[in-house]
Amino acid sequence: MPRGYARYVLGVMVGINFLNYLDRYILPAVSTKI
């Protein structure tokens, strides 16, 4: 398994967690303001 692949998988996992964080915290805050 090449090193770049592990870094890619880690980046994808972090990206998914970040999107879940945005969906859970940022969007409700924005919708309450609107």
PDB file of N, CA and C in Angstrom:
ATOM      1  N   MET A   1       0.855  -1.199   0.000  1.00  0.00           N
ATOM      2  CA  MET A   1       0.000   0.000   0.000  1.00  0.00           C
ATOM      3  C   MET A   1       0.891   1.248   0.000  1.00  0.00           C
ATOM      4  N   PRO A   2       0.780   2.073  -1.013  1.00  0.00           N
ATOM      5  CA  PRO A   2       1.624   3.279  -1.071  1.00  0.00           C
ATOM      6  C   PRO A   2       1.261   4.289  -0.003  1.00  0.00           C
ATOM      7  N   ARG A   3       2.229   5.140   0.322  1.00  0.00           N
ATOM      8  CA  ARG A   3       2.013   6.137   1.380  1.00  0.00           C
ATOM      9  C   ARG A   3       0.928   7.133   0.984  1.00  0.00           C
ATOM     10  N   GLY A   4       0.879   7.516  -0.284  1.00  0.00           N
ATOM     11  CA  GLY A   4      -0.116   8.492  -0.721  1.00  0.00           C
ATOM     12  C   GLY A   4      -1.532   7.990  -0.512  1.00  0.00           C
ATOM     13  N   TYR A   5      -1.722   6.662  -0.622  1.00  0.00           N
ATOM     14  CA  TYR A   5      -3.066   6.109  -0.451  1.00  0.00           C
ATOM     15  C   TYR A   5      -3.544   6.275   0.976  1.00  0.00           C
ATOM     16  N   ALA A   6      -2.659   6.012   1.936  1.00  0.00           N
ATOM     17  CA  ALA A   6      -3.035   6.168   3.346  1.00  0.00           C
ATOM     18  C   ALA A   6      -3.385   7.624   3.641  1.00  0.00           C
ATOM     19  N   ARG A   7      -2.611   8.542   3.092  1.00  0.00           N
ATOM     20  CA  ARG A   7      -2.881   9.965   3.303  1.00  0.00           C
ATOM     21  C   ARG A   7      -4.213  10.350   2.665  1.00  0.00           C
ATOM     22  N   TYR A   8      -4.509   9.774   1.498  1.00  0.00           N
ATOM     23  CA  TYR A   8      -5.771  10.044   0.816  1.00  0.00           C
ATOM     24  C   TYR A   8      -6.955   9.552   1.642  1.00  0.00           C
ATOM     25  N   VAL A   9      -6.848   8.331   2.171  1.00  0.00           N
ATOM     26  CA  VAL A   9      -7.930   7.782   2.995  1.00  0.00           C
ATOM     27  C   VAL A   9      -8.126   8.631   4.242  1.00  0.00           C
ATOM     28  N   LEU A  10      -7.030   9.048   4.866  1.00  0.00           N
ATOM     29  CA  LEU A  10      -7.129   9.895   6.057  1.00  0.00           C
ATOM     30  C   LEU A  10      -7.815  11.212   5.711  1.00  0.00           C
ATOM     31  N   GLY A  11      -7.465  11.800   4.580  1.00  0.00           N
ATOM     32  CA  GLY A  11      -8.095  13.046   4.159  1.00  0.00           C
ATOM     33  C   GLY A  11      -9.583  12.879   3.908  1.00  0.00           C
ATOM     34  N   VAL A  12      -9.967  11.760   3.306  1.00  0.00           N
ATOM     35  CA  VAL A  12     -11.388  11.506   3.046  1.00  0.00           C
ATOM     36  C   VAL A  12     -12.152  11.367   4.355  1.00  0.00           C
ATOM     37  N   MET A  13     -11.576  10.638   5.310  1.00  0.00           N
ATOM     38  CA  MET A  13     -12.249  10.454   6.602  1.00  0.00           C
ATOM     39  C   MET A  13     -12.402  11.785   7.322  1.00  0.00           C
ATOM     40  N   VAL A  14     -11.354  12.606   7.304  1.00  0.00           N
ATOM     41  CA  VAL A  14     -11.427  13.924   7.939  1.00  0.00           C
ATOM     42  C   VAL A  14     -12.468  14.786   7.235  1.00  0.00           C
ATOM     43  N   GLY A  15     -12.522  14.709   5.915  1.00  0.00           N
ATOM     44  CA  GLY A  15     -13.506  15.479   5.165  1.00  0.00           C
ATOM     45  C   GLY A  15     -14.927  15.076   5.510  1.00  0.00           C
ATOM     46  N   ILE A  16     -15.173  13.769   5.633  1.00  0.00           N
ATOM     47  CA  ILE A  16     -16.511  13.293   5.992  1.00  0.00           C
ATOM     48  C   ILE A  16     -16.874  13.759   7.394  1.00  0.00           C
ATOM     49  N   ASN A  17     -15.945  13.650   8.333  1.00  0.00           N
ATOM     50  CA  ASN A  17     -16.218  14.119   9.694  1.00  0.00           C
ATOM     51  C   ASN A  17     -16.488  15.615   9.707  1.00  0.00           C
ATOM     52  N   PHE A  18     -15.754  16.376   8.880  1.00  0.00           N
ATOM     53  CA  PHE A  18     -15.954  17.825   8.820  1.00  0.00           C
ATOM     54  C   PHE A  18     -17.326  18.155   8.250  1.00  0.00           C
ATOM     55  N   LEU A  19     -17.747  17.415   7.218  1.00  0.00           N
ATOM     56  CA  LEU A  19     -19.075  17.646   6.648  1.00  0.00           C
ATOM     57  C   LEU A  19     -20.161  17.303   7.656  1.00  0.00           C
ATOM     58  N   ASN A  20     -19.975  16.223   8.414  1.00  0.00           N
ATOM     59  CA  ASN A  20     -20.943  15.878   9.453  1.00  0.00           C
ATOM     60  C   ASN A  20     -21.006  16.968  10.512  1.00  0.00           C
ATOM     61  N   TYR A  21     -19.851  17.530  10.868  1.00  0.00           N
ATOM     62  CA  TYR A  21     -19.804  18.621  11.847  1.00  0.00           C
ATOM     63  C   TYR A  21     -20.549  19.841  11.316  1.00  0.00           C
ATOM     64  N   LEU A  22     -20.301  20.204  10.069  1.00  0.00           N
ATOM     65  CA  LEU A  22     -21.013  21.339   9.472  1.00  0.00           C
ATOM     66  C   LEU A  22     -22.512  21.081   9.469  1.00  0.00           C
ATOM     67  N   ASP A  23     -22.902  19.877   9.060  1.00  0.00           N
ATOM     68  CA  ASP A  23     -24.322  19.557   8.942  1.00  0.00           C
ATOM     69  C   ASP A  23     -24.997  19.589  10.302  1.00  0.00           C
ATOM     70  N   ARG A  24     -24.265  19.206  11.351  1.00  0.00           N
ATOM     71  CA  ARG A  24     -24.878  19.076  12.670  1.00  0.00           C
ATOM     72  C   ARG A  24     -24.921  20.404  13.418  1.00  0.00           C
ATOM     73  N   TYR A  25     -23.913  21.264  13.230  1.00  0.00           N
ATOM     74  CA  TYR A  25     -23.802  22.472  14.055  1.00  0.00           C
ATOM     75  C   TYR A  25     -24.014  23.763  13.268  1.00  0.00           C
ATOM     76  N   ILE A  26     -23.424  23.864  12.086  1.00  0.00           N
ATOM     77  CA  ILE A  26     -23.487  25.130  11.348  1.00  0.00           C
ATOM     78  C   ILE A  26     -24.878  25.342  10.757  1.00  0.00           C
ATOM     79  N   LEU A  27     -25.421  24.330  10.107  1.00  0.00           N
ATOM     80  CA  LEU A  27     -26.707  24.508   9.431  1.00  0.00           C
ATOM     81  C   LEU A  27     -27.856  24.822  10.388  1.00  0.00           C
ATOM     82  N   PRO A  28     -27.999  24.147  11.536  1.00  0.00           N
ATOM     83  CA  PRO A  28     -29.062  24.554  12.478  1.00  0.00           C
ATOM     84  C   PRO A  28     -28.890  25.983  12.960  1.00  0.00           C
ATOM     85  N   ALA A  29     -27.659  26.422  13.192  1.00  0.00           N
ATOM     86  CA  ALA A  29     -27.434  27.798  13.638  1.00  0.00           C
ATOM     87  C   ALA A  29     -27.850  28.787  12.553  1.00  0.00           C
ATOM     88  N   VAL A  30     -27.527  28.481  11.316  1.00  0.00           N
ATOM     89  CA  VAL A  30     -27.900  29.362  10.204  1.00  0.00           C
ATOM     90  C   VAL A  30     -29.416  29.368  10.020  1.00  0.00           C
ATOM     91  N   SER A  31     -30.037  28.209  10.123  1.00  0.00           N
ATOM     92  CA  SER A  31     -31.485  28.144   9.905  1.00  0.00           C
ATOM     93  C   SER A  31     -32.243  28.870  11.014  1.00  0.00           C
ATOM     94  N   THR A  32     -31.701  28.873  12.232  1.00  0.00           N
ATOM     95  CA  THR A  32     -32.379  29.607  13.304  1.00  0.00           C
ATOM     96  C   THR A  32     -32.241  31.111  13.090  1.00  0.00           C
ATOM     97  N   LYS A  33     -31.103  31.549  12.517  1.00  0.00           N
ATOM     98  CA  LYS A  33     -30.951  32.977  12.223  1.00  0.00           C
ATOM     99  C   LYS A  33     -31.931  33.407  11.134  1.00  0.00           C
ATOM    100  N   ILE A  34     -32.116  32.546  10.151  1.00  0.00           N
ATOM    101  CA  ILE A  34     -33.053  32.863   9.066  1.00  0.00           C
ATOM    102  C   ILE A  34     -34.454  32.581   9.563  1.00  0.00           C
TER     103      ILE A  34
END
